[in-house]
């Protein structure tokens, strides 16, 4: 009888232990990782062989108890005699022991199937936590990089504003220089026109002086003063005098209008 109660106590303790293991694995507790590590180590090396022998032994005991229970029931059905209370107690104990033995075997089989899934789940959770840590680090790095880029953008914006101001100043200077150049071009055109007029007038005077010099040479080549007078009458000295006077007046006005001495040229040059 003591042996029977000892077996019942062991089976109840085994069931309670399996229940605690299930709760420790399925619920997030501080004991979850140690329990999983213990199961993983137990499944390595000689652990699987020991588990197989234990299962065979427990299954053999279960078959023996089931067979004993069936034998008692069959004997009662065959002989149709009254069942002794001891046989009833023994039958109930055998059924209870078989039930308690079957539950740990079933729970153990389920645990073998659930353990890899739980291990994979834990590995996935660890990967997710590592990815979250890496994501936080990346966020911090990106925040620092964003601040650096913002400072660089601010510096470049300030430089761009400065360059725009410099461009405006240089553009204004260029416009002023363009206006000065256009004004100088206009002055140059005016001086060039005046210079052309003076050249034309100078050429006219040179032609008149050449004609006068030819007339003088003709007079010198003549034989007498009478011929000179007669030839002198043919020359219009009054017009020549007026022409020379106008030429001197025009040259004096042109000399006063010119800005520098390099614009003044001799009368006989063009």
C-alpha atoms as a PDB file:
ATOM      1  CA  UNK A   1       0.000   0.000   0.000  1.00  0.00           C
ATOM      2  CA  UNK A   2       2.811   2.382   0.802  1.00  0.00           C
ATOM      3  CA  UNK A   3       4.334   1.614  -2.575  1.00  0.00           C
ATOM      4  CA  UNK A   4       1.080   2.547  -4.282  1.00  0.00           C
ATOM      5  CA  UNK A   5       0.846   5.874  -2.479  1.00  0.00           C
ATOM      6  CA  UNK A   6       4.507   6.557  -3.328  1.00  0.00           C
ATOM      7  CA  UNK A   7       3.799   5.972  -7.015  1.00  0.00           C
ATOM      8  CA  UNK A   8       0.771   8.275  -6.849  1.00  0.00           C
ATOM      9  CA  UNK A   9       2.832  10.982  -5.152  1.00  0.00           C
ATOM     10  CA  UNK A  10       5.578  10.670  -7.803  1.00  0.00           C
ATOM     11  CA  UNK A  11       3.062  10.854 -10.642  1.00  0.00           C
ATOM     12  CA  UNK A  12       1.292  13.859  -9.090  1.00  0.00           C
ATOM     13  CA  UNK A  13       4.641  15.604  -8.576  1.00  0.00           C
ATOM     14  CA  UNK A  14       5.571  14.855 -12.207  1.00  0.00           C
ATOM     15  CA  UNK A  15       2.295  16.307 -13.463  1.00  0.00           C
ATOM     16  CA  UNK A  16       2.703  19.397 -11.272  1.00  0.00           C
ATOM     17  CA  UNK A  17       6.268  19.829 -12.499  1.00  0.00           C
ATOM     18  CA  UNK A  18       5.177  19.597 -16.136  1.00  0.00           C
ATOM     19  CA  UNK A  19       2.437  22.156 -15.503  1.00  0.00           C
ATOM     20  CA  UNK A  20       4.975  24.537 -13.968  1.00  0.00           C
ATOM     21  CA  UNK A  21       7.321  23.974 -16.912  1.00  0.00           C
ATOM     22  CA  UNK A  22       4.514  24.800 -19.341  1.00  0.00           C
ATOM     23  CA  UNK A  23       3.649  27.972 -17.462  1.00  0.00           C
ATOM     24  CA  UNK A  24       7.321  28.935 -17.228  1.00  0.00           C
ATOM     25  CA  UNK A  25       7.796  28.496 -20.979  1.00  0.00           C
ATOM     26  CA  UNK A  26       4.589  30.086 -22.222  1.00  0.00           C
ATOM     27  CA  UNK A  27       4.492  33.089 -19.862  1.00  0.00           C
ATOM     28  CA  UNK A  28       7.096  35.850 -19.794  1.00  0.00           C
ATOM     29  CA  UNK A  29       8.778  35.235 -16.443  1.00  0.00           C
ATOM     30  CA  UNK A  30      12.374  35.501 -15.192  1.00  0.00           C
ATOM     31  CA  UNK A  31      12.486  31.674 -15.143  1.00  0.00           C
ATOM     32  CA  UNK A  32      11.631  31.306 -18.824  1.00  0.00           C
ATOM     33  CA  UNK A  33      15.153  31.491 -20.198  1.00  0.00           C
ATOM     34  CA  UNK A  34      16.712  29.129 -17.572  1.00  0.00           C
ATOM     35  CA  UNK A  35      13.975  26.549 -18.166  1.00  0.00           C
ATOM     36  CA  UNK A  36      14.444  26.708 -21.945  1.00  0.00           C
ATOM     37  CA  UNK A  37      18.215  26.429 -21.600  1.00  0.00           C
ATOM     38  CA  UNK A  38      17.804  23.400 -19.288  1.00  0.00           C
ATOM     39  CA  UNK A  39      15.489  21.707 -21.790  1.00  0.00           C
ATOM     40  CA  UNK A  40      17.887  22.488 -24.638  1.00  0.00           C
ATOM     41  CA  UNK A  41      20.824  20.974 -22.753  1.00  0.00           C
ATOM     42  CA  UNK A  42      18.717  17.985 -21.777  1.00  0.00           C
ATOM     43  CA  UNK A  43      17.963  17.340 -25.460  1.00  0.00           C
ATOM     44  CA  UNK A  44      21.691  17.328 -26.345  1.00  0.00           C
ATOM     45  CA  UNK A  45      24.231  14.543 -25.886  1.00  0.00           C
ATOM     46  CA  UNK A  46      22.906  11.476 -24.087  1.00  0.00           C
ATOM     47  CA  UNK A  47      19.710  13.254 -23.065  1.00  0.00           C
ATOM     48  CA  UNK A  48      17.515  12.006 -25.926  1.00  0.00           C
ATOM     49  CA  UNK A  49      18.549   8.378 -25.247  1.00  0.00           C
ATOM     50  CA  UNK A  50      17.663   8.677 -21.557  1.00  0.00           C
ATOM     51  CA  UNK A  51      14.332  10.259 -22.492  1.00  0.00           C
ATOM     52  CA  UNK A  52      13.572   7.378 -24.843  1.00  0.00           C
ATOM     53  CA  UNK A  53      14.309   4.765 -22.172  1.00  0.00           C
ATOM     54  CA  UNK A  54      12.194   6.638 -19.613  1.00  0.00           C
ATOM     55  CA  UNK A  55       9.303   6.827 -22.050  1.00  0.00           C
ATOM     56  CA  UNK A  56       9.581   3.124 -22.832  1.00  0.00           C
ATOM     57  CA  UNK A  57       9.595   2.319 -19.107  1.00  0.00           C
ATOM     58  CA  UNK A  58       6.617   4.565 -18.367  1.00  0.00           C
ATOM     59  CA  UNK A  59       4.702   3.231 -21.345  1.00  0.00           C
ATOM     60  CA  UNK A  60       5.394  -0.363 -20.204  1.00  0.00           C
ATOM     61  CA  UNK A  61       4.101   0.431 -16.713  1.00  0.00           C
ATOM     62  CA  UNK A  62       1.062   2.104 -18.264  1.00  0.00           C
ATOM     63  CA  UNK A  63       0.377  -0.975 -20.404  1.00  0.00           C
ATOM     64  CA  UNK A  64       0.760  -3.206 -17.330  1.00  0.00           C
ATOM     65  CA  UNK A  65      -1.714  -1.168 -15.303  1.00  0.00           C
ATOM     66  CA  UNK A  66      -4.197  -1.033 -18.145  1.00  0.00           C
ATOM     67  CA  UNK A  67      -3.853  -4.770 -18.651  1.00  0.00           C
ATOM     68  CA  UNK A  68      -4.394  -5.411 -14.919  1.00  0.00           C
ATOM     69  CA  UNK A  69      -7.501  -3.217 -14.925  1.00  0.00           C
ATOM     70  CA  UNK A  70      -8.897  -4.990 -17.994  1.00  0.00           C
ATOM     71  CA  UNK A  71      -8.131  -8.399 -16.415  1.00  0.00           C
ATOM     72  CA  UNK A  72     -10.061  -7.501 -13.257  1.00  0.00           C
ATOM     73  CA  UNK A  73     -13.012  -6.267 -15.266  1.00  0.00           C
ATOM     74  CA  UNK A  74     -12.999  -9.309 -17.511  1.00  0.00           C
ATOM     75  CA  UNK A  75     -12.872 -11.679 -14.568  1.00  0.00           C
ATOM     76  CA  UNK A  76     -15.831  -9.896 -13.015  1.00  0.00           C
ATOM     77  CA  UNK A  77     -17.775 -10.096 -16.284  1.00  0.00           C
ATOM     78  CA  UNK A  78     -16.958 -13.781 -16.828  1.00  0.00           C
ATOM     79  CA  UNK A  79     -17.640 -15.166 -13.397  1.00  0.00           C
ATOM     80  CA  UNK A  80     -20.496 -12.793 -12.509  1.00  0.00           C
ATOM     81  CA  UNK A  81     -19.515 -12.989  -8.929  1.00  0.00           C
ATOM     82  CA  UNK A  82     -19.574 -10.223  -6.381  1.00  0.00           C
ATOM     83  CA  UNK A  83     -16.517  -7.940  -6.445  1.00  0.00           C
ATOM     84  CA  UNK A  84     -14.589  -7.662  -3.243  1.00  0.00           C
ATOM     85  CA  UNK A  85     -14.017  -4.129  -1.929  1.00  0.00           C
ATOM     86  CA  UNK A  86     -10.315  -4.791  -2.114  1.00  0.00           C
ATOM     87  CA  UNK A  87     -10.614  -5.586  -5.804  1.00  0.00           C
ATOM     88  CA  UNK A  88     -12.638  -2.430  -6.273  1.00  0.00           C
ATOM     89  CA  UNK A  89     -10.006  -0.357  -4.510  1.00  0.00           C
ATOM     90  CA  UNK A  90      -7.255  -2.052  -6.519  1.00  0.00           C
ATOM     91  CA  UNK A  91      -9.196  -1.435  -9.766  1.00  0.00           C
ATOM     92  CA  UNK A  92      -9.741   2.213  -8.926  1.00  0.00           C
ATOM     93  CA  UNK A  93      -6.078   2.638  -8.015  1.00  0.00           C
ATOM     94  CA  UNK A  94      -4.983   0.990 -11.248  1.00  0.00           C
ATOM     95  CA  UNK A  95      -7.273   3.266 -13.273  1.00  0.00           C
ATOM     96  CA  UNK A  96      -6.018   6.326 -11.361  1.00  0.00           C
ATOM     97  CA  UNK A  97      -2.373   5.320 -11.815  1.00  0.00           C
ATOM     98  CA  UNK A  98      -2.898   4.642 -15.532  1.00  0.00           C
ATOM     99  CA  UNK A  99      -4.578   8.039 -15.947  1.00  0.00           C
ATOM    100  CA  UNK A 100      -1.818   9.818 -14.070  1.00  0.00           C
ATOM    101  CA  UNK A 101       0.809   7.938 -16.104  1.00  0.00           C
ATOM    102  CA  UNK A 102      -0.868   8.709 -19.422  1.00  0.00           C
ATOM    103  CA  UNK A 103      -1.076  12.442 -18.779  1.00  0.00           C
ATOM    104  CA  UNK A 104       2.698  12.933 -18.251  1.00  0.00           C
ATOM    105  CA  UNK A 105       3.447  10.890 -21.355  1.00  0.00           C
ATOM    106  CA  UNK A 106       1.062  12.991 -23.415  1.00  0.00           C
ATOM    107  CA  UNK A 107       2.366  16.230 -21.888  1.00  0.00           C
ATOM    108  CA  UNK A 108       5.951  15.138 -22.532  1.00  0.00           C
ATOM    109  CA  UNK A 109       5.142  14.405 -26.183  1.00  0.00           C
ATOM    110  CA  UNK A 110       3.477  17.820 -26.582  1.00  0.00           C
ATOM    111  CA  UNK A 111       6.455  19.499 -24.905  1.00  0.00           C
ATOM    112  CA  UNK A 112       8.821  17.914 -27.430  1.00  0.00           C
ATOM    113  CA  UNK A 113       6.752  19.396 -30.240  1.00  0.00           C
ATOM    114  CA  UNK A 114       6.309  22.799 -28.621  1.00  0.00           C
ATOM    115  CA  UNK A 115       9.918  23.257 -27.489  1.00  0.00           C
ATOM    116  CA  UNK A 116      11.373  23.988 -31.013  1.00  0.00           C
ATOM    117  CA  UNK A 117       8.537  26.414 -31.698  1.00  0.00           C
ATOM    118  CA  UNK A 118       9.179  28.203 -28.430  1.00  0.00           C
ATOM    119  CA  UNK A 119      12.915  28.305 -29.151  1.00  0.00           C
ATOM    120  CA  UNK A 120      12.243  29.814 -32.560  1.00  0.00           C
ATOM    121  CA  UNK A 121       9.846  32.308 -31.025  1.00  0.00           C
ATOM    122  CA  UNK A 122      12.456  33.351 -28.462  1.00  0.00           C
ATOM    123  CA  UNK A 123      15.114  33.703 -31.175  1.00  0.00           C
ATOM    124  CA  UNK A 124      12.716  35.856 -33.202  1.00  0.00           C
ATOM    125  CA  UNK A 125      12.030  38.000 -30.132  1.00  0.00           C
ATOM    126  CA  UNK A 126      15.770  38.436 -29.574  1.00  0.00           C
ATOM    127  CA  UNK A 127      16.233  39.409 -33.216  1.00  0.00           C
ATOM    128  CA  UNK A 128      13.395  41.913 -32.935  1.00  0.00           C
ATOM    129  CA  UNK A 129      14.935  43.430 -29.806  1.00  0.00           C
ATOM    130  CA  UNK A 130      18.332  43.651 -31.531  1.00  0.00           C
ATOM    131  CA  UNK A 131      16.692  45.300 -34.539  1.00  0.00           C
ATOM    132  CA  UNK A 132      14.917  47.769 -32.269  1.00  0.00           C
ATOM    133  CA  UNK A 133      18.224  48.641 -30.595  1.00  0.00           C
ATOM    134  CA  UNK A 134      19.861  49.078 -34.015  1.00  0.00           C
ATOM    135  CA  UNK A 135      16.901  51.184 -35.121  1.00  0.00           C
ATOM    136  CA  UNK A 136      17.271  53.436 -32.087  1.00  0.00           C
ATOM    137  CA  UNK A 137      20.997  53.796 -32.794  1.00  0.00           C
ATOM    138  CA  UNK A 138      20.248  54.604 -36.431  1.00  0.00           C
ATOM    139  CA  UNK A 139      17.692  57.182 -35.341  1.00  0.00           C
ATOM    140  CA  UNK A 140      20.262  58.818 -33.080  1.00  0.00           C
ATOM    141  CA  UNK A 141      22.843  58.730 -35.864  1.00  0.00           C
ATOM    142  CA  UNK A 142      20.358  60.169 -38.352  1.00  0.00           C
ATOM    143  CA  UNK A 143      19.418  62.877 -35.857  1.00  0.00           C
ATOM    144  CA  UNK A 144      23.059  63.870 -35.464  1.00  0.00           C
ATOM    145  CA  UNK A 145      23.538  63.736 -39.232  1.00  0.00           C
ATOM    146  CA  UNK A 146      20.394  65.847 -39.718  1.00  0.00           C
ATOM    147  CA  UNK A 147      21.705  68.489 -37.327  1.00  0.00           C
ATOM    148  CA  UNK A 148      25.031  68.567 -39.163  1.00  0.00           C
ATOM    149  CA  UNK A 149      23.212  68.927 -42.489  1.00  0.00           C
ATOM    150  CA  UNK A 150      21.039  71.706 -41.069  1.00  0.00           C
ATOM    151  CA  UNK A 151      24.136  73.597 -39.944  1.00  0.00           C
ATOM    152  CA  UNK A 152      25.713  73.116 -43.375  1.00  0.00           C
ATOM    153  CA  UNK A 153      22.509  74.283 -45.067  1.00  0.00           C
ATOM    154  CA  UNK A 154      22.469  77.386 -42.860  1.00  0.00           C
ATOM    155  CA  UNK A 155      26.104  78.157 -43.754  1.00  0.00           C
ATOM    156  CA  UNK A 156      25.428  77.631 -47.461  1.00  0.00           C
ATOM    157  CA  UNK A 157      22.340  79.854 -47.254  1.00  0.00           C
ATOM    158  CA  UNK A 158      24.385  82.627 -45.663  1.00  0.00           C
ATOM    159  CA  UNK A 159      27.078  82.239 -48.337  1.00  0.00           C
ATOM    160  CA  UNK A 160      24.413  82.297 -51.054  1.00  0.00           C
ATOM    161  CA  UNK A 161      22.961  85.526 -49.675  1.00  0.00           C
ATOM    162  CA  UNK A 162      26.435  87.052 -49.577  1.00  0.00           C
ATOM    163  CA  UNK A 163      27.084  85.948 -53.151  1.00  0.00           C
ATOM    164  CA  UNK A 164      23.761  87.468 -54.231  1.00  0.00           C
ATOM    165  CA  UNK A 165      24.728  90.766 -52.640  1.00  0.00           C
ATOM    166  CA  UNK A 166      28.134  90.662 -54.320  1.00  0.00           C
ATOM    167  CA  UNK A 167      26.440  89.835 -57.613  1.00  0.00           C
ATOM    168  CA  UNK A 168      24.079  92.801 -57.247  1.00  0.00           C
ATOM    169  CA  UNK A 169      26.979  95.128 -56.472  1.00  0.00           C
ATOM    170  CA  UNK A 170      29.009  93.870 -59.437  1.00  0.00           C
ATOM    171  CA  UNK A 171      25.946  94.041 -61.687  1.00  0.00           C
ATOM    172  CA  UNK A 172      25.398  97.669 -60.676  1.00  0.00           C
ATOM    173  CA  UNK A 173      29.068  98.412 -61.321  1.00  0.00           C
ATOM    174  CA  UNK A 174      28.818  96.691 -64.697  1.00  0.00           C
ATOM    175  CA  UNK A 175      25.733  98.755 -65.600  1.00  0.00           C
ATOM    176  CA  UNK A 176      27.520 101.959 -64.591  1.00  0.00           C
ATOM    177  CA  UNK A 177      30.579 100.934 -66.600  1.00  0.00           C
ATOM    178  CA  UNK A 178      28.333 100.115 -69.572  1.00  0.00           C
ATOM    179  CA  UNK A 179      26.750 103.570 -69.347  1.00  0.00           C
ATOM    180  CA  UNK A 180      30.215 105.161 -69.225  1.00  0.00           C
ATOM    181  CA  UNK A 181      31.331 103.084 -72.210  1.00  0.00           C
ATOM    182  CA  UNK A 182      28.249 104.068 -74.227  1.00  0.00           C
ATOM    183  CA  UNK A 183      28.868 107.715 -73.349  1.00  0.00           C
ATOM    184  CA  UNK A 184      32.502 107.423 -74.390  1.00  0.00           C
ATOM    185  CA  UNK A 185      31.408 105.781 -77.645  1.00  0.00           C
ATOM    186  CA  UNK A 186      29.069 108.688 -78.340  1.00  0.00           C
ATOM    187  CA  UNK A 187      31.850 111.180 -77.583  1.00  0.00           C
ATOM    188  CA  UNK A 188      34.181 109.195 -79.836  1.00  0.00           C
ATOM    189  CA  UNK A 189      31.645 109.301 -82.663  1.00  0.00           C
ATOM    190  CA  UNK A 190      31.256 113.066 -82.226  1.00  0.00           C
ATOM    191  CA  UNK A 191      35.031 113.598 -82.252  1.00  0.00           C
ATOM    192  CA  UNK A 192      35.374 111.323 -85.272  1.00  0.00           C
ATOM    193  CA  UNK A 193      32.749 113.319 -87.167  1.00  0.00           C
ATOM    194  CA  UNK A 194      34.493 116.569 -86.223  1.00  0.00           C
ATOM    195  CA  UNK A 195      37.792 115.047 -87.286  1.00  0.00           C
ATOM    196  CA  UNK A 196      36.338 114.028 -90.659  1.00  0.00           C
ATOM    197  CA  UNK A 197      34.944 117.507 -91.196  1.00  0.00           C
ATOM    198  CA  UNK A 198      38.317 119.041 -90.335  1.00  0.00           C
ATOM    199  CA  UNK A 199      40.069 116.636 -92.690  1.00  0.00           C
ATOM    200  CA  UNK A 200      37.679 117.578 -95.486  1.00  0.00           C
ATOM    201  CA  UNK A 201      38.154 121.272 -94.775  1.00  0.00           C
ATOM    202  CA  UNK A 202      41.908 120.809 -94.600  1.00  0.00           C
ATOM    203  CA  UNK A 203      41.857 119.028 -97.963  1.00  0.00           C
ATOM    204  CA  UNK A 204      39.861 121.887 -99.434  1.00  0.00           C
ATOM    205  CA  UNK A 205      42.365 124.427 -98.152  1.00  0.00           C
ATOM    206  CA  UNK A 206      45.258 122.356 -99.476  1.00  0.00           C
ATOM    207  CA  UNK A 207      43.647 122.259-102.903  1.00  0.00           C
ATOM    208  CA  UNK A 208      43.119 126.028-102.833  1.00  0.00           C
ATOM    209  CA  UNK A 209      46.726 126.595-101.690  1.00  0.00           C
ATOM    210  CA  UNK A 210      47.988 124.301-104.424  1.00  0.00           C
ATOM    211  CA  UNK A 211      45.989 126.239-107.017  1.00  0.00           C
ATOM    212  CA  UNK A 212      47.355 129.497-105.612  1.00  0.00           C
ATOM    213  CA  UNK A 213      50.917 128.115-105.709  1.00  0.00           C
ATOM    214  CA  UNK A 214      50.425 127.115-109.351  1.00  0.00           C
ATOM    215  CA  UNK A 215      49.199 130.600-110.174  1.00  0.00           C
ATOM    216  CA  UNK A 216      52.199 132.114-108.376  1.00  0.00           C
ATOM    217  CA  UNK A 217      54.592 129.921-110.296  1.00  0.00           C
ATOM    218  CA  UNK A 218      52.951 130.962-113.528  1.00  0.00           C
ATOM    219  CA  UNK A 219      53.394 134.596-112.527  1.00  0.00           C
ATOM    220  CA  UNK A 220      57.060 134.027-111.668  1.00  0.00           C
ATOM    221  CA  UNK A 221      57.626 132.399-115.016  1.00  0.00           C
ATOM    222  CA  UNK A 222      56.142 135.357-116.857  1.00  0.00           C
ATOM    223  CA  UNK A 223      58.474 137.961-118.434  1.00  0.00           C
ATOM    224  CA  UNK A 224      57.214 141.179-116.851  1.00  0.00           C
ATOM    225  CA  UNK A 225      55.324 142.819-114.073  1.00  0.00           C
ATOM    226  CA  UNK A 226      52.577 143.665-116.467  1.00  0.00           C
ATOM    227  CA  UNK A 227      51.854 140.069-117.127  1.00  0.00           C
ATOM    228  CA  UNK A 228      51.822 139.504-113.378  1.00  0.00           C
ATOM    229  CA  UNK A 229      49.222 142.224-112.947  1.00  0.00           C
ATOM    230  CA  UNK A 230      47.151 140.885-115.786  1.00  0.00           C
ATOM    231  CA  UNK A 231      47.345 137.415-114.397  1.00  0.00           C
ATOM    232  CA  UNK A 232      46.726 138.734-110.916  1.00  0.00           C
ATOM    233  CA  UNK A 233      43.477 140.189-112.044  1.00  0.00           C
ATOM    234  CA  UNK A 234      42.310 136.765-113.054  1.00  0.00           C
ATOM    235  CA  UNK A 235      42.863 135.442-109.528  1.00  0.00           C
ATOM    236  CA  UNK A 236      40.209 136.231-106.978  1.00  0.00           C
ATOM    237  CA  UNK A 237      42.423 137.323-104.070  1.00  0.00           C
ATOM    238  CA  UNK A 238      39.489 138.660-102.150  1.00  0.00           C
ATOM    239  CA  UNK A 239      37.873 135.195-102.042  1.00  0.00           C
ATOM    240  CA  UNK A 240      41.148 133.623-100.977  1.00  0.00           C
ATOM    241  CA  UNK A 241      41.496 136.119 -98.148  1.00  0.00           C
ATOM    242  CA  UNK A 242      37.951 135.417 -96.969  1.00  0.00           C
ATOM    243  CA  UNK A 243      38.574 131.684 -97.178  1.00  0.00           C
ATOM    244  CA  UNK A 244      41.778 131.914 -95.110  1.00  0.00           C
ATOM    245  CA  UNK A 245      39.960 134.024 -92.484  1.00  0.00           C
ATOM    246  CA  UNK A 246      37.108 131.495 -92.155  1.00  0.00           C
ATOM    247  CA  UNK A 247      39.618 128.680 -91.923  1.00  0.00           C
ATOM    248  CA  UNK A 248      41.453 130.319 -89.044  1.00  0.00           C
ATOM    249  CA  UNK A 249      38.177 131.004 -87.188  1.00  0.00           C
ATOM    250  CA  UNK A 250      36.993 127.359 -87.607  1.00  0.00           C
ATOM    251  CA  UNK A 251      40.330 125.985 -86.451  1.00  0.00           C
ATOM    252  CA  UNK A 252      40.334 128.186 -83.342  1.00  0.00           C
ATOM    253  CA  UNK A 253      36.791 127.006 -82.387  1.00  0.00           C
ATOM    254  CA  UNK A 254      37.719 123.318 -82.952  1.00  0.00           C
ATOM    255  CA  UNK A 255      40.822 123.698 -80.819  1.00  0.00           C
ATOM    256  CA  UNK A 256      38.762 125.140 -77.952  1.00  0.00           C
ATOM    257  CA  UNK A 257      36.131 122.282 -78.152  1.00  0.00           C
ATOM    258  CA  UNK A 258      38.701 119.455 -78.071  1.00  0.00           C
ATOM    259  CA  UNK A 259      39.495 117.950 -74.617  1.00  0.00           C
ATOM    260  CA  UNK A 260      43.227 117.248 -74.991  1.00  0.00           C
ATOM    261  CA  UNK A 261      46.132 118.424 -77.138  1.00  0.00           C
ATOM    262  CA  UNK A 262      46.300 115.079 -78.972  1.00  0.00           C
ATOM    263  CA  UNK A 263      43.141 116.045 -80.952  1.00  0.00           C
ATOM    264  CA  UNK A 264      44.910 119.087 -82.437  1.00  0.00           C
ATOM    265  CA  UNK A 265      46.499 118.408 -85.834  1.00  0.00           C
ATOM    266  CA  UNK A 266      48.191 120.711 -88.356  1.00  0.00           C
ATOM    267  CA  UNK A 267      46.157 122.186 -91.126  1.00  0.00           C
ATOM    268  CA  UNK A 268      48.165 120.527 -93.829  1.00  0.00           C
ATOM    269  CA  UNK A 269      47.792 116.995 -92.392  1.00  0.00           C
ATOM    270  CA  UNK A 270      44.821 114.663 -92.604  1.00  0.00           C
END
